[in-house]
Amino acid sequence: MLLLFFLSLTTSFGQRQIYPEDNPPLKERMYFGGNGSLQFGTITFVEISPLAGVMITERYSAGLGATYQYLNNRFYQNGDAHIYGGRLFNRFNVLPRIFLHAEYEALNVEVANPIPNTNDVVFTRDWVPGLFGGAGYFTPFGERGGMNFMLLYNFSYDNRRSPYNEPYVIRVGFVF
């Protein structure tokens, strides 16, 4: 159960607030962040998920991110898994701290493919898409930093191929 919790705490995206009268240069409208997870023991889980975004208007931002996850389950022989990929995201601030979030993600995962007329499966690597939509809350700290909490739904969820356990995903992350 603890593993499921850590798997659901995946990359979140940061945001900054800009004001039209300021007309800030690109460097000041950019933000960076992401998250990471560590769990060691019988099940080892490591995640690194950086991101970069830019405030395009006072209320709209867009960006990209990368994900790498390593999972080792010592209960299984050959229990290692490597997941990697990237994402593009859009965010619209409905209120200063509440936003709508849309994201396209592609993760390269090992997928179990059933062999017809047998009980066997063959594992192959495949790019699995994710089309997420949802809402979030941003808590600022300092001049540029903050923390995001998001609830997203994966509209292209496929329980046979997805690296996520369910279509709903909770994401928590930081931005600097």
Foldseek 3Di string as FASTA:
>chain_A
DVVLVQVLAFWDDDADADDPVVPDDFVVQKWKKIDWDFDDDQKTKIKDKIWMKGAPDRFKIKTKIKMWMWIAHNVDDVRIWIKIWMKIKMWGHPDPFKIKIWMKIWMWTWFWADDPPDPHTDTDTDIDIWIKIWMWTWAADDNGKTKIWIWIFTPRDDCRGDPRNHRIGIYIIMMD
